[in-house]
Amino acid sequence: MHDNPKIEAAFMSIRATVVALIVYAACKIGKTAIVDKPAALLVGITLALLYSAEILYIRRCSLQPARWRAS
């Protein structure tokens, strides 16, 4: 089942759909949450910290998928 390219493609499209739904929901919530400059600054700082923490975590733990790793 893991070697079936059609099943892998289906799961990849499901993952993409889930990510799109999460981004859509975050954008809708963000439009109502950012009401002034301090709130926008706080959102920007939070996103930057989350992004940098994820990158550092992936590099430190080598959690990259096999296709990302250099051979």
N, C-alpha and C. Protein backbone atom coordinates (compact mmCIF):
# COMPACT_ATOMS: atom_id res chain seq x y z
N MET A 1 0.81 -1.18 0.00
CA MET A 1 0.00 0.00 0.00
C MET A 1 0.86 1.26 0.00
N HIS A 2 2.02 1.21 0.66
CA HIS A 2 2.91 2.37 0.69
C HIS A 2 3.60 2.60 -0.64
N ASP A 3 3.72 1.57 -1.43
CA ASP A 3 4.42 1.69 -2.71
C ASP A 3 3.49 2.04 -3.87
N ASN A 4 2.22 2.17 -3.60
CA ASN A 4 1.26 2.46 -4.66
C ASN A 4 1.27 3.96 -4.95
N PRO A 5 1.68 4.35 -6.16
CA PRO A 5 1.78 5.79 -6.47
C PRO A 5 0.43 6.51 -6.44
N LYS A 6 -0.64 5.81 -6.76
CA LYS A 6 -1.96 6.46 -6.74
C LYS A 6 -2.40 6.79 -5.31
N ILE A 7 -2.11 5.88 -4.40
CA ILE A 7 -2.47 6.14 -3.00
C ILE A 7 -1.60 7.25 -2.44
N GLU A 8 -0.32 7.24 -2.77
CA GLU A 8 0.57 8.32 -2.31
C GLU A 8 0.10 9.67 -2.86
N ALA A 9 -0.31 9.71 -4.11
CA ALA A 9 -0.80 10.96 -4.71
C ALA A 9 -2.09 11.42 -4.03
N ALA A 10 -2.95 10.46 -3.70
CA ALA A 10 -4.20 10.82 -3.02
C ALA A 10 -3.91 11.43 -1.65
N PHE A 11 -3.01 10.80 -0.88
CA PHE A 11 -2.68 11.35 0.43
C PHE A 11 -1.98 12.70 0.33
N MET A 12 -1.17 12.89 -0.69
CA MET A 12 -0.50 14.17 -0.87
C MET A 12 -1.54 15.27 -1.16
N SER A 13 -2.54 14.95 -1.97
CA SER A 13 -3.57 15.94 -2.26
C SER A 13 -4.44 16.21 -1.04
N ILE A 14 -4.67 15.18 -0.22
CA ILE A 14 -5.43 15.39 1.01
C ILE A 14 -4.66 16.31 1.95
N ARG A 15 -3.34 16.09 2.07
CA ARG A 15 -2.51 16.96 2.92
C ARG A 15 -2.56 18.40 2.43
N ALA A 16 -2.47 18.59 1.11
CA ALA A 16 -2.51 19.94 0.56
C ALA A 16 -3.86 20.61 0.85
N THR A 17 -4.92 19.84 0.76
CA THR A 17 -6.25 20.38 1.04
C THR A 17 -6.38 20.78 2.50
N VAL A 18 -5.87 19.96 3.40
CA VAL A 18 -5.93 20.28 4.83
C VAL A 18 -5.13 21.55 5.12
N VAL A 19 -3.96 21.66 4.53
CA VAL A 19 -3.14 22.87 4.73
C VAL A 19 -3.88 24.10 4.21
N ALA A 20 -4.51 23.98 3.05
CA ALA A 20 -5.25 25.10 2.49
C ALA A 20 -6.40 25.51 3.40
N LEU A 21 -7.11 24.54 3.97
CA LEU A 21 -8.20 24.86 4.89
C LEU A 21 -7.70 25.55 6.16
N ILE A 22 -6.57 25.10 6.67
CA ILE A 22 -6.00 25.73 7.86
C ILE A 22 -5.57 27.16 7.56
N VAL A 23 -4.92 27.36 6.43
CA VAL A 23 -4.49 28.72 6.05
C VAL A 23 -5.70 29.63 5.85
N TYR A 24 -6.74 29.12 5.22
CA TYR A 24 -7.96 29.90 5.01
C TYR A 24 -8.57 30.32 6.34
N ALA A 25 -8.67 29.37 7.27
CA ALA A 25 -9.23 29.68 8.59
C ALA A 25 -8.36 30.69 9.33
N ALA A 26 -7.05 30.53 9.23
CA ALA A 26 -6.14 31.47 9.90
C ALA A 26 -6.28 32.87 9.31
N CYS A 27 -6.44 32.97 8.01
CA CYS A 27 -6.62 34.29 7.38
C CYS A 27 -7.92 34.94 7.83
N LYS A 28 -8.98 34.15 7.91
CA LYS A 28 -10.26 34.70 8.36
C LYS A 28 -10.17 35.19 9.79
N ILE A 29 -9.54 34.41 10.65
CA ILE A 29 -9.40 34.82 12.05
C ILE A 29 -8.46 36.02 12.15
N GLY A 30 -7.40 36.02 11.35
CA GLY A 30 -6.44 37.13 11.37
C GLY A 30 -7.06 38.45 10.98
N LYS A 31 -7.99 38.43 10.04
CA LYS A 31 -8.63 39.67 9.61
C LYS A 31 -9.43 40.31 10.74
N THR A 32 -10.01 39.47 11.60
CA THR A 32 -10.78 40.03 12.71
C THR A 32 -9.91 40.31 13.92
N ALA A 33 -8.77 39.63 14.03
CA ALA A 33 -7.92 39.77 15.22
C ALA A 33 -7.00 40.99 15.12
N ILE A 34 -6.57 41.33 13.92
CA ILE A 34 -5.64 42.45 13.76
C ILE A 34 -6.46 43.73 13.59
N VAL A 35 -6.56 44.46 14.68
CA VAL A 35 -7.38 45.68 14.67
C VAL A 35 -6.55 46.96 14.75
N ASP A 36 -5.27 46.84 15.15
CA ASP A 36 -4.43 48.02 15.24
C ASP A 36 -2.96 47.61 15.03
N LYS A 37 -2.08 48.59 15.05
CA LYS A 37 -0.66 48.32 14.78
C LYS A 37 0.00 47.41 15.82
N PRO A 38 -0.25 47.59 17.12
CA PRO A 38 0.37 46.67 18.08
C PRO A 38 -0.07 45.21 17.88
N ALA A 39 -1.33 45.01 17.54
CA ALA A 39 -1.80 43.65 17.29
C ALA A 39 -1.12 43.07 16.05
N ALA A 40 -0.95 43.86 15.02
CA ALA A 40 -0.28 43.41 13.81
C ALA A 40 1.19 43.08 14.10
N LEU A 41 1.83 43.90 14.91
CA LEU A 41 3.22 43.65 15.29
C LEU A 41 3.33 42.35 16.08
N LEU A 42 2.42 42.12 16.99
CA LEU A 42 2.43 40.90 17.79
C LEU A 42 2.23 39.67 16.91
N VAL A 43 1.33 39.75 15.96
CA VAL A 43 1.11 38.63 15.03
C VAL A 43 2.36 38.38 14.20
N GLY A 44 2.99 39.43 13.71
CA GLY A 44 4.21 39.28 12.92
C GLY A 44 5.35 38.65 13.71
N ILE A 45 5.54 39.10 14.94
CA ILE A 45 6.59 38.53 15.79
C ILE A 45 6.31 37.07 16.09
N THR A 46 5.05 36.76 16.39
CA THR A 46 4.68 35.38 16.69
C THR A 46 4.92 34.47 15.49
N LEU A 47 4.52 34.91 14.31
CA LEU A 47 4.73 34.10 13.10
C LEU A 47 6.22 33.90 12.82
N ALA A 48 7.01 34.95 13.02
CA ALA A 48 8.45 34.82 12.80
C ALA A 48 9.07 33.83 13.79
N LEU A 49 8.66 33.89 15.05
CA LEU A 49 9.18 32.96 16.04
C LEU A 49 8.76 31.52 15.76
N LEU A 50 7.51 31.33 15.37
CA LEU A 50 7.05 29.98 15.03
C LEU A 50 7.80 29.42 13.83
N TYR A 51 8.00 30.26 12.83
CA TYR A 51 8.72 29.81 11.63
C TYR A 51 10.16 29.46 11.97
N SER A 52 10.85 30.30 12.73
CA SER A 52 12.25 30.03 13.04
C SER A 52 12.37 28.82 13.95
N ALA A 53 11.44 28.64 14.88
CA ALA A 53 11.49 27.47 15.77
C ALA A 53 11.27 26.19 14.98
N GLU A 54 10.38 26.21 14.01
CA GLU A 54 10.14 25.02 13.19
C GLU A 54 11.37 24.67 12.37
N ILE A 55 11.99 25.67 11.76
CA ILE A 55 13.18 25.42 10.95
C ILE A 55 14.30 24.86 11.82
N LEU A 56 14.51 25.46 13.00
CA LEU A 56 15.56 24.97 13.89
C LEU A 56 15.25 23.56 14.36
N TYR A 57 14.00 23.25 14.65
CA TYR A 57 13.62 21.92 15.11
C TYR A 57 13.85 20.89 14.01
N ILE A 58 13.49 21.22 12.79
CA ILE A 58 13.68 20.28 11.68
C ILE A 58 15.17 20.03 11.46
N ARG A 59 15.98 21.07 11.51
CA ARG A 59 17.42 20.90 11.30
C ARG A 59 18.06 20.12 12.43
N ARG A 60 17.67 20.40 13.66
CA ARG A 60 18.29 19.77 14.82
C ARG A 60 17.91 18.29 14.91
N CYS A 61 16.69 17.95 14.63
CA CYS A 61 16.21 16.58 14.82
C CYS A 61 16.28 15.75 13.54
N SER A 62 16.68 16.34 12.46
CA SER A 62 16.72 15.66 11.17
C SER A 62 15.39 14.99 10.86
N LEU A 63 14.32 15.76 10.99
CA LEU A 63 12.98 15.25 10.72
C LEU A 63 12.56 15.48 9.27
N GLN A 64 13.51 15.80 8.44
CA GLN A 64 13.19 16.07 7.06
C GLN A 64 12.78 14.78 6.36
N PRO A 65 11.80 14.87 5.47
CA PRO A 65 11.46 13.70 4.66
C PRO A 65 12.66 13.26 3.83
N ALA A 66 12.67 12.00 3.45
CA ALA A 66 13.81 11.45 2.72
C ALA A 66 14.08 12.20 1.43
N ARG A 67 13.04 12.70 0.77
CA ARG A 67 13.25 13.38 -0.52
C ARG A 67 13.93 14.74 -0.32
N TRP A 68 13.94 15.30 0.91
CA TRP A 68 14.60 16.58 1.16
C TRP A 68 16.07 16.40 1.51
N ARG A 69 16.43 15.24 1.99
CA ARG A 69 17.80 15.02 2.44
C ARG A 69 18.75 14.92 1.26
N ALA A 70 19.92 15.49 1.46
CA ALA A 70 20.95 15.38 0.43
C ALA A 70 21.60 14.01 0.53
N SER A 71 21.75 13.35 -0.57
CA SER A 71 22.34 12.00 -0.55
C SER A 71 23.83 12.07 -0.65
